[in-house]
Amino acid sequence: MVVKHFGGQKDMNFPLQTNIKYKTNLNPDVITKRLLKISSGPTKSYEGQIDKLTFDIKRIINYRNSLLPKITGNIRAESDGTIIDVDMRPNRILTIFIGIWFGCVGLLGFLFLPNPMALFPLVLLIFGVFMTIYFFKKETNKSKKDLQTLFEAEIIDLTQI
């Protein structure tokens, strides 16, 4: 599946991705100031880079979760408000590792398919896929709510792949 991403670049989607479009009555400068506020100071809840109309952040957590989404976004003013396009996905290196790992486990299961022991790698594969999706979506939902509150926005488009 090919989609058009921010800045007009085309890229392949992979299963662990969420695209959200927020709409707010706040102007872009206020959005940028709010993003800077949550990513600085002793009580910051996010970290990353924030420019005038773009941001690249991730949530700060007190526990380990390798599937914490990287959040990138574009802010644009329109005649009836401001639109914030947000893309959430895990770290690319982790995604490549997960793909290779699941591919190898799946291949092992299918190579030994006539043997009843082939069920173990296949069950491991299914469990791993569901666990990966669950923990990514759990973190994504937390950030989605945080950003909706921060932007005082409504979600006008949500694509979870």
Protein backbone atom coordinates (compact mmCIF):
# COMPACT_ATOMS: atom_id res chain seq x y z
CA MET A 1 0.00 0.00 0.00
CA VAL A 2 1.47 3.35 -1.00
CA VAL A 3 0.35 6.59 0.62
CA LYS A 4 1.41 10.19 0.37
CA HIS A 5 3.17 11.31 3.54
CA PHE A 6 3.93 14.74 4.87
CA GLY A 7 6.01 16.76 2.47
CA GLY A 8 4.77 14.80 -0.54
CA GLN A 9 7.13 11.84 -0.05
CA LYS A 10 5.83 8.41 -0.95
CA ASP A 11 6.56 5.56 1.41
CA MET A 12 5.33 2.06 2.10
CA ASN A 13 3.10 1.62 5.13
CA PHE A 14 3.88 -1.13 7.57
CA PRO A 15 1.51 -2.68 10.10
CA LEU A 16 2.66 -0.63 13.08
CA GLN A 17 1.61 2.83 12.02
CA THR A 18 -1.08 5.32 12.99
CA ASN A 19 -1.91 8.50 11.08
CA ILE A 20 -4.09 11.08 12.81
CA LYS A 21 -5.40 14.41 11.58
CA TYR A 22 -6.38 16.86 14.32
CA LYS A 23 -8.37 20.05 13.79
CA THR A 24 -8.27 22.90 16.30
CA ASN A 25 -9.23 26.56 16.59
CA LEU A 26 -5.82 27.40 18.07
CA ASN A 27 -3.34 29.09 15.74
CA PRO A 28 -0.06 27.37 14.74
CA ASP A 29 2.06 29.57 17.05
CA VAL A 30 0.04 28.49 20.08
CA ILE A 31 0.37 24.82 19.06
CA THR A 32 4.16 25.20 18.73
CA LYS A 33 4.40 26.93 22.13
CA ARG A 34 2.38 24.14 23.76
CA LEU A 35 4.61 21.50 22.19
CA LEU A 36 7.70 23.35 23.45
CA LYS A 37 6.18 23.55 26.94
CA ILE A 38 5.59 19.78 27.23
CA SER A 39 9.08 19.04 25.92
CA SER A 40 11.11 21.30 28.20
CA GLY A 41 11.61 21.91 31.88
CA PRO A 42 11.79 19.51 34.80
CA THR A 43 8.27 18.15 34.29
CA LYS A 44 8.51 17.50 30.57
CA SER A 45 6.43 14.57 29.32
CA TYR A 46 7.78 14.46 25.74
CA GLU A 47 11.21 14.94 24.20
CA GLY A 48 12.39 15.63 20.70
CA GLN A 49 12.69 18.37 18.11
CA ILE A 50 10.08 21.05 17.59
CA ASP A 51 10.31 23.61 14.80
CA LYS A 52 7.85 26.30 13.83
CA LEU A 53 5.50 24.03 11.83
CA THR A 54 6.91 20.52 12.34
CA PHE A 55 7.75 18.28 15.26
CA ASP A 56 9.44 14.96 15.92
CA ILE A 57 8.84 13.79 19.50
CA LYS A 58 8.33 10.75 21.69
CA ARG A 59 6.73 10.31 25.09
CA ILE A 60 8.97 10.01 28.15
CA ILE A 61 8.09 6.89 30.14
CA ASN A 62 9.34 5.43 33.43
CA TYR A 63 9.33 1.86 32.16
CA ARG A 64 10.77 -0.04 29.20
CA ASN A 65 8.79 -0.36 25.99
CA SER A 66 10.75 -0.65 22.76
CA LEU A 67 7.53 -0.09 20.82
CA LEU A 68 7.10 3.47 22.04
CA PRO A 69 5.99 5.40 18.94
CA LYS A 70 8.04 8.10 17.29
CA ILE A 71 5.62 10.96 16.67
CA THR A 72 6.14 13.25 13.69
CA GLY A 73 3.79 16.01 12.68
CA ASN A 74 3.08 18.98 10.48
CA ILE A 75 1.08 22.02 11.54
CA ARG A 76 -0.75 24.06 8.93
CA ALA A 77 -3.14 26.97 9.17
CA GLU A 78 -6.37 26.88 7.21
CA SER A 79 -9.17 29.38 6.88
CA ASP A 80 -11.36 27.63 9.48
CA GLY A 81 -8.66 26.59 11.98
CA THR A 82 -5.42 24.68 12.21
CA ILE A 83 -4.76 21.13 10.98
CA ILE A 84 -2.12 18.98 12.64
CA ASP A 85 -1.10 15.86 10.69
CA VAL A 86 0.48 13.29 13.01
CA ASP A 87 2.26 10.06 12.09
CA MET A 88 3.11 7.52 14.83
CA ARG A 89 5.38 4.56 14.18
CA PRO A 90 8.04 2.61 16.06
CA ASN A 91 11.76 3.05 15.55
CA ARG A 92 12.78 1.86 12.04
CA ILE A 93 15.63 -0.34 13.32
CA LEU A 94 13.22 -2.08 15.69
CA THR A 95 10.72 -2.56 12.86
CA ILE A 96 13.40 -4.14 10.66
CA PHE A 97 14.49 -6.41 13.55
CA ILE A 98 10.89 -7.47 14.24
CA GLY A 99 10.32 -8.21 10.54
CA ILE A 100 13.45 -10.36 10.31
CA TRP A 101 12.69 -12.13 13.60
CA PHE A 102 9.08 -12.92 12.68
CA GLY A 103 10.17 -13.96 9.18
CA CYS A 104 12.71 -16.44 10.56
CA VAL A 105 10.30 -17.87 13.15
CA GLY A 106 7.57 -18.20 10.52
CA LEU A 107 9.95 -19.84 8.07
CA LEU A 108 11.07 -22.36 10.70
CA GLY A 109 7.45 -23.23 11.39
CA PHE A 110 6.61 -23.73 7.73
CA LEU A 111 9.79 -25.73 7.01
CA PHE A 112 8.85 -28.30 9.64
CA LEU A 113 5.09 -28.14 8.94
CA PRO A 114 4.42 -31.89 8.56
CA ASN A 115 6.00 -32.35 12.00
CA PRO A 116 3.77 -31.54 15.03
CA MET A 117 6.73 -29.61 16.51
CA ALA A 118 6.16 -27.03 13.77
CA LEU A 119 3.23 -25.73 15.77
CA PHE A 120 5.54 -24.28 18.43
CA PRO A 121 7.23 -21.70 16.14
CA LEU A 122 3.88 -20.86 14.54
CA VAL A 123 2.21 -20.32 17.93
CA LEU A 124 5.26 -18.28 18.99
CA LEU A 125 4.91 -16.22 15.81
CA ILE A 126 1.19 -15.55 16.36
CA PHE A 127 1.78 -14.65 20.02
CA GLY A 128 4.65 -12.34 19.07
CA VAL A 129 2.63 -10.53 16.42
CA PHE A 130 -0.32 -9.93 18.74
CA MET A 131 1.94 -8.86 21.63
CA THR A 132 3.82 -6.42 19.37
CA ILE A 133 0.62 -4.87 18.03
CA TYR A 134 -0.94 -4.67 21.51
CA PHE A 135 1.97 -2.82 23.14
CA PHE A 136 2.41 -0.45 20.19
CA LYS A 137 -1.31 0.42 20.10
CA LYS A 138 -1.36 0.87 23.88
CA GLU A 139 1.37 3.51 23.68
CA THR A 140 -0.14 5.08 20.57
CA ASN A 141 -3.51 5.53 22.27
CA LYS A 142 -1.90 7.30 25.24
CA SER A 143 -0.09 9.76 22.95
CA LYS A 144 -3.18 10.23 20.80
CA LYS A 145 -5.20 11.34 23.85
CA ASP A 146 -2.36 13.52 25.17
CA LEU A 147 -2.06 15.36 21.86
CA GLN A 148 -5.82 15.76 21.46
CA THR A 149 -5.97 17.42 24.89
CA LEU A 150 -2.86 19.54 24.23
CA PHE A 151 -4.17 20.79 20.90
CA GLU A 152 -7.76 21.22 22.19
CA ALA A 153 -8.63 19.44 18.97
CA GLU A 154 -10.99 16.98 17.45
CA ILE A 155 -9.79 14.03 15.40
CA ILE A 156 -11.04 14.44 11.85
CA ASP A 157 -9.18 11.50 10.31
CA LEU A 158 -7.67 8.40 11.89
CA THR A 159 -5.90 5.64 10.00
CA GLN A 160 -4.55 2.73 12.02
CA ILE A 161 -2.69 0.26 9.89
